[in-house]
Amino acid sequence: MSNLREKFDKRFAKVQDGIDKGREKIEIVKEKSTLSDEMDDYQLKKTNLLLEMGELLYTKLRNNTIVENDFDDYKNQIIDIDKNIYDLSMKIKEIESLKNDTTCECGSILNPNAKFCAECGKKIEIEDIQVEYKICYKCNSEVDVESNYCSCCGFKIDNNL
C-alpha cells in the first residue's frame, strides 16, 4: 500500500508541477501583452507627432517662415518615444528568453527560477555573462562597449571616449 501511495504522490507532484508551469507561462504572456500594448500606445503617439510635424512643415513652407529650431520639440519628443519603445522591446525579449525551457543533464525540464533539478537534485548553474556598457550621448541608452552604433537610436558611438 505504501508503494502505491508513493507512486500516487509522485504523479500528483508532476501534475502540480505542470499546473505551476502553466500558471507561470500565463503570467509571462500577460506581462508580454501589457508591454506590447504600451508599445502600441507609444507608436500611436509617435505617429500623431509626425503628423503634427508634417502639418507644421507644410504650413511653414507655404508661408515661407521656416526657422531652424521650429521642429526641435518634436524631434526631442520622438527621440524619447523611440527610447521608450526600444526599452519595452528589450523587456519583451528578456521575458521571451526567460520562458525558453532549459533542460537538465538528466533530461528534465527546469523551472526558470529553479536552483536545483526537481528530478535528480543537481545544482543548476547558469552562466552569468558580464557585459560592459557605455551610455549613448544621443538617447542615454546602454550600449555594449564593442558596438559602433547605438542599438536604440542608431547614433554613431565614438569608441575613444
C-alpha atoms as a PDB file:
ATOM      1  CA  MET A   1       0.000   0.000   0.000  1.00  0.00           C
ATOM      2  CA  SER A   2       2.917   2.322   0.772  1.00  0.00           C
ATOM      3  CA  ASN A   3       4.340   1.760  -2.721  1.00  0.00           C
ATOM      4  CA  LEU A   4       1.017   2.724  -4.290  1.00  0.00           C
ATOM      5  CA  ARG A   5       0.905   5.878  -2.169  1.00  0.00           C
ATOM      6  CA  GLU A   6       4.443   6.835  -3.284  1.00  0.00           C
ATOM      7  CA  LYS A   7       3.511   6.400  -6.960  1.00  0.00           C
ATOM      8  CA  PHE A   8       0.390   8.475  -6.442  1.00  0.00           C
ATOM      9  CA  ASP A   9       2.359  11.204  -4.665  1.00  0.00           C
ATOM     10  CA  LYS A  10       4.961  11.304  -7.466  1.00  0.00           C
ATOM     11  CA  ARG A  11       2.325  11.571 -10.172  1.00  0.00           C
ATOM     12  CA  PHE A  12       0.417  14.177  -8.206  1.00  0.00           C
ATOM     13  CA  ALA A  13       3.630  16.180  -7.766  1.00  0.00           C
ATOM     14  CA  LYS A  14       4.246  16.057 -11.529  1.00  0.00           C
ATOM     15  CA  VAL A  15       0.689  17.201 -12.244  1.00  0.00           C
ATOM     16  CA  GLN A  16       1.057  20.001  -9.700  1.00  0.00           C
ATOM     17  CA  ASP A  17       4.377  20.985 -11.274  1.00  0.00           C
ATOM     18  CA  GLY A  18       2.706  21.091 -14.691  1.00  0.00           C
ATOM     19  CA  ILE A  19      -0.042  23.315 -13.314  1.00  0.00           C
ATOM     20  CA  ASP A  20       2.518  25.640 -11.733  1.00  0.00           C
ATOM     21  CA  LYS A  21       4.458  25.881 -15.010  1.00  0.00           C
ATOM     22  CA  GLY A  22       1.209  26.623 -16.825  1.00  0.00           C
ATOM     23  CA  ARG A  23       0.458  29.454 -14.399  1.00  0.00           C
ATOM     24  CA  GLU A  24       3.949  30.865 -14.885  1.00  0.00           C
ATOM     25  CA  LYS A  25       3.501  30.795 -18.668  1.00  0.00           C
ATOM     26  CA  ILE A  26       0.162  32.591 -18.345  1.00  0.00           C
ATOM     27  CA  GLU A  27       1.808  35.319 -16.246  1.00  0.00           C
ATOM     28  CA  ILE A  28       4.565  35.664 -18.829  1.00  0.00           C
ATOM     29  CA  VAL A  29       2.012  36.037 -21.634  1.00  0.00           C
ATOM     30  CA  LYS A  30       0.068  38.631 -19.595  1.00  0.00           C
ATOM     31  CA  GLU A  31       3.210  40.666 -18.904  1.00  0.00           C
ATOM     32  CA  LYS A  32       4.315  40.462 -22.544  1.00  0.00           C
ATOM     33  CA  SER A  33       0.841  41.551 -23.682  1.00  0.00           C
ATOM     34  CA  THR A  34       0.864  44.535 -21.323  1.00  0.00           C
ATOM     35  CA  LEU A  35       4.264  45.631 -22.635  1.00  0.00           C
ATOM     36  CA  SER A  36       3.097  45.208 -26.239  1.00  0.00           C
ATOM     37  CA  ASP A  37       0.036  47.353 -25.538  1.00  0.00           C
ATOM     38  CA  GLU A  38       2.263  50.032 -24.028  1.00  0.00           C
ATOM     39  CA  MET A  39       4.500  49.890 -27.130  1.00  0.00           C
ATOM     40  CA  ASP A  40       1.432  50.326 -29.348  1.00  0.00           C
ATOM     41  CA  ASP A  41       0.455  53.427 -27.344  1.00  0.00           C
ATOM     42  CA  TYR A  42       3.917  54.916 -27.901  1.00  0.00           C
ATOM     43  CA  GLN A  43       3.758  54.092 -31.612  1.00  0.00           C
ATOM     44  CA  LEU A  44       0.426  55.942 -31.839  1.00  0.00           C
ATOM     45  CA  LYS A  45       1.880  58.978 -30.023  1.00  0.00           C
ATOM     46  CA  LYS A  46       4.833  58.954 -32.412  1.00  0.00           C
ATOM     47  CA  THR A  47       2.526  58.763 -35.426  1.00  0.00           C
ATOM     48  CA  ASN A  48       0.492  61.707 -34.154  1.00  0.00           C
ATOM     49  CA  LEU A  49       3.638  63.761 -33.545  1.00  0.00           C
ATOM     50  CA  LEU A  50       4.885  63.020 -37.054  1.00  0.00           C
ATOM     51  CA  LEU A  51       1.527  64.095 -38.487  1.00  0.00           C
ATOM     52  CA  GLU A  52       1.589  67.332 -36.490  1.00  0.00           C
ATOM     53  CA  MET A  53       5.147  67.941 -37.588  1.00  0.00           C
ATOM     54  CA  GLY A  54       4.198  67.359 -41.234  1.00  0.00           C
ATOM     55  CA  GLU A  55       1.295  69.793 -40.970  1.00  0.00           C
ATOM     56  CA  LEU A  56       3.549  72.407 -39.374  1.00  0.00           C
ATOM     57  CA  LEU A  57       6.176  71.916 -42.079  1.00  0.00           C
ATOM     58  CA  TYR A  58       3.580  72.272 -44.822  1.00  0.00           C
ATOM     59  CA  THR A  59       2.197  75.483 -43.292  1.00  0.00           C
ATOM     60  CA  LYS A  60       5.657  76.978 -42.804  1.00  0.00           C
ATOM     61  CA  LEU A  61       6.720  76.048 -46.348  1.00  0.00           C
ATOM     62  CA  ARG A  62       3.629  77.700 -47.792  1.00  0.00           C
ATOM     63  CA  ASN A  63       4.178  80.821 -45.708  1.00  0.00           C
ATOM     64  CA  ASN A  64       7.975  80.730 -46.225  1.00  0.00           C
ATOM     65  CA  THR A  65       8.521  81.074 -42.449  1.00  0.00           C
ATOM     66  CA  ILE A  66      10.712  78.087 -41.561  1.00  0.00           C
ATOM     67  CA  VAL A  67      13.125  78.710 -38.666  1.00  0.00           C
ATOM     68  CA  GLU A  68      15.894  76.227 -37.893  1.00  0.00           C
ATOM     69  CA  ASN A  69      14.630  75.222 -34.417  1.00  0.00           C
ATOM     70  CA  ASP A  70      10.898  75.017 -35.283  1.00  0.00           C
ATOM     71  CA  PHE A  71      11.000  71.228 -35.013  1.00  0.00           C
ATOM     72  CA  ASP A  72      13.304  70.740 -32.012  1.00  0.00           C
ATOM     73  CA  ASP A  73      10.441  69.990 -29.620  1.00  0.00           C
ATOM     74  CA  TYR A  74       9.015  67.379 -31.991  1.00  0.00           C
ATOM     75  CA  LYS A  75      12.450  65.837 -32.509  1.00  0.00           C
ATOM     76  CA  ASN A  76      13.070  65.553 -28.762  1.00  0.00           C
ATOM     77  CA  GLN A  77       9.642  64.027 -28.113  1.00  0.00           C
ATOM     78  CA  ILE A  78      10.138  61.489 -30.906  1.00  0.00           C
ATOM     79  CA  ILE A  79      13.589  60.542 -29.575  1.00  0.00           C
ATOM     80  CA  ASP A  80      12.059  59.979 -26.104  1.00  0.00           C
ATOM     81  CA  ILE A  81       9.263  57.875 -27.582  1.00  0.00           C
ATOM     82  CA  ASP A  82      11.739  55.822 -29.622  1.00  0.00           C
ATOM     83  CA  LYS A  83      13.752  55.212 -26.445  1.00  0.00           C
ATOM     84  CA  ASN A  84      10.634  54.023 -24.600  1.00  0.00           C
ATOM     85  CA  ILE A  85       9.684  51.726 -27.495  1.00  0.00           C
ATOM     86  CA  TYR A  86      13.215  50.319 -27.554  1.00  0.00           C
ATOM     87  CA  ASP A  87      13.237  49.729 -23.775  1.00  0.00           C
ATOM     88  CA  LEU A  88       9.878  47.950 -23.960  1.00  0.00           C
ATOM     89  CA  SER A  89      11.025  45.747 -26.832  1.00  0.00           C
ATOM     90  CA  MET A  90      14.119  44.792 -24.813  1.00  0.00           C
ATOM     91  CA  LYS A  91      11.898  43.863 -21.840  1.00  0.00           C
ATOM     92  CA  ILE A  92       9.787  41.693 -24.143  1.00  0.00           C
ATOM     93  CA  LYS A  93      12.924  39.962 -25.456  1.00  0.00           C
ATOM     94  CA  GLU A  94      14.070  39.384 -21.887  1.00  0.00           C
ATOM     95  CA  ILE A  95      10.702  37.846 -20.991  1.00  0.00           C
ATOM     96  CA  GLU A  96      10.836  35.635 -24.081  1.00  0.00           C
ATOM     97  CA  SER A  97      14.313  34.422 -23.171  1.00  0.00           C
ATOM     98  CA  LEU A  98      13.108  33.536 -19.660  1.00  0.00           C
ATOM     99  CA  LYS A  99      10.275  31.401 -20.955  1.00  0.00           C
ATOM    100  CA  ASN A 100      12.591  29.198 -23.015  1.00  0.00           C
ATOM    101  CA  ASP A 101      12.638  25.869 -21.227  1.00  0.00           C
ATOM    102  CA  THR A 102      16.052  24.795 -20.056  1.00  0.00           C
ATOM    103  CA  THR A 103      16.745  21.118 -19.558  1.00  0.00           C
ATOM    104  CA  CYS A 104      18.947  19.437 -17.019  1.00  0.00           C
ATOM    105  CA  GLU A 105      21.574  16.851 -17.978  1.00  0.00           C
ATOM    106  CA  CYS A 106      19.080  14.215 -16.818  1.00  0.00           C
ATOM    107  CA  GLY A 107      16.554  15.471 -19.411  1.00  0.00           C
ATOM    108  CA  SER A 108      14.112  17.077 -17.007  1.00  0.00           C
ATOM    109  CA  ILE A 109      12.653  20.456 -17.987  1.00  0.00           C
ATOM    110  CA  LEU A 110      13.729  23.048 -15.446  1.00  0.00           C
ATOM    111  CA  ASN A 111      11.700  25.821 -13.909  1.00  0.00           C
ATOM    112  CA  PRO A 112      13.306  29.167 -14.936  1.00  0.00           C
ATOM    113  CA  ASN A 113      13.752  30.138 -11.265  1.00  0.00           C
ATOM    114  CA  ALA A 114      14.970  26.720 -10.078  1.00  0.00           C
ATOM    115  CA  LYS A 115      18.264  26.428  -8.291  1.00  0.00           C
ATOM    116  CA  PHE A 116      18.203  22.600  -8.313  1.00  0.00           C
ATOM    117  CA  CYS A 117      16.711  19.995 -10.672  1.00  0.00           C
ATOM    118  CA  ALA A 118      13.433  18.596  -9.359  1.00  0.00           C
ATOM    119  CA  GLU A 119      14.222  15.125 -10.776  1.00  0.00           C
ATOM    120  CA  CYS A 120      17.891  14.465  -9.987  1.00  0.00           C
ATOM    121  CA  GLY A 121      18.659  17.232  -7.468  1.00  0.00           C
ATOM    122  CA  LYS A 122      21.656  18.556  -9.421  1.00  0.00           C
ATOM    123  CA  LYS A 123      22.533  22.205  -8.746  1.00  0.00           C
ATOM    124  CA  ILE A 124      21.614  24.422 -11.679  1.00  0.00           C
ATOM    125  CA  GLU A 125      24.477  26.646 -12.737  1.00  0.00           C
ATOM    126  CA  ILE A 126      23.503  29.439 -15.075  1.00  0.00           C
ATOM    127  CA  GLU A 127      26.361  31.216 -16.776  1.00  0.00           C
ATOM    128  CA  ASP A 128      26.354  34.866 -15.763  1.00  0.00           C
ATOM    129  CA  ILE A 129      27.706  36.865 -18.669  1.00  0.00           C
ATOM    130  CA  GLN A 130      29.141  40.217 -17.678  1.00  0.00           C
ATOM    131  CA  VAL A 131      28.927  42.849 -20.410  1.00  0.00           C
ATOM    132  CA  GLU A 132      30.461  46.298 -20.155  1.00  0.00           C
ATOM    133  CA  TYR A 133      28.291  49.187 -21.272  1.00  0.00           C
ATOM    134  CA  LYS A 134      28.662  52.844 -22.071  1.00  0.00           C
ATOM    135  CA  ILE A 135      25.929  55.441 -22.446  1.00  0.00           C
ATOM    136  CA  CYS A 136      24.797  56.752 -25.838  1.00  0.00           C
ATOM    137  CA  TYR A 137      25.105  60.537 -25.852  1.00  0.00           C
ATOM    138  CA  LYS A 138      22.024  60.956 -28.038  1.00  0.00           C
ATOM    139  CA  CYS A 139      19.371  58.801 -26.295  1.00  0.00           C
ATOM    140  CA  ASN A 140      21.054  57.769 -22.992  1.00  0.00           C
ATOM    141  CA  SER A 141      20.676  54.023 -23.710  1.00  0.00           C
ATOM    142  CA  GLU A 142      23.226  51.487 -22.539  1.00  0.00           C
ATOM    143  CA  VAL A 143      25.424  50.351 -25.425  1.00  0.00           C
ATOM    144  CA  ASP A 144      27.880  47.444 -25.431  1.00  0.00           C
ATOM    145  CA  VAL A 145      31.419  48.908 -25.376  1.00  0.00           C
ATOM    146  CA  GLU A 146      32.280  46.950 -28.539  1.00  0.00           C
ATOM    147  CA  SER A 147      29.384  48.493 -30.527  1.00  0.00           C
ATOM    148  CA  ASN A 148      29.969  51.130 -33.192  1.00  0.00           C
ATOM    149  CA  TYR A 149      26.338  52.312 -33.260  1.00  0.00           C
ATOM    150  CA  CYS A 150      23.620  52.648 -30.644  1.00  0.00           C
ATOM    151  CA  SER A 151      21.113  49.804 -30.961  1.00  0.00           C
ATOM    152  CA  CYS A 152      18.318  52.153 -29.845  1.00  0.00           C
ATOM    153  CA  CYS A 153      18.746  55.307 -31.961  1.00  0.00           C
ATOM    154  CA  GLY A 154      21.459  54.356 -34.483  1.00  0.00           C
ATOM    155  CA  PHE A 155      23.793  57.161 -33.366  1.00  0.00           C
ATOM    156  CA  LYS A 156      27.475  56.550 -34.195  1.00  0.00           C
ATOM    157  CA  ILE A 157      29.339  55.717 -30.998  1.00  0.00           C
ATOM    158  CA  ASP A 158      32.811  57.175 -30.536  1.00  0.00           C
ATOM    159  CA  ASN A 159      34.771  54.250 -29.076  1.00  0.00           C
ATOM    160  CA  ASN A 160      37.618  56.510 -27.986  1.00  0.00           C
ATOM    161  CA  LEU A 161      35.584  58.053 -25.160  1.00  0.00           C
END
